[in-house]
Amino acid sequence: MSTSTKFSEDIVPLSDMKVNPGRVVNQVDKTHRPVLLTNRGRGVAVVQSLKDYETENEERAFLRGVVQGLMDLEEGREMNLAEVKKQLKLG
């Protein structure tokens, strides 16, 4: 997963990305840290390896499911196994 940001390496002007995009792509793949692209000193985009992006999306989806499940329990929206089987017509 991503390690802590190194501001000296992980902030790249958009003009540098235009000149040498391969360097930035190789950097994010090697370091597993996203790179912030800037234009006139303002952040405009983030470059991240596809593998890291997919992993983070899966983790976010899992955590959203856990939080939703906890909220359902808190609000009394729960079923026992027999009710689930009946609703799914499994037995």
Foldseek 3Di string as FASTA:
>chain_A
DADDDDVVPQEEEPVVCVVCVPVQQVVQVVRVHWHFYDYPRHTDDIDHHPVSVVVVVVVVVVVVVVVVVVVCVVVVNDDDPVVVCVVVVND
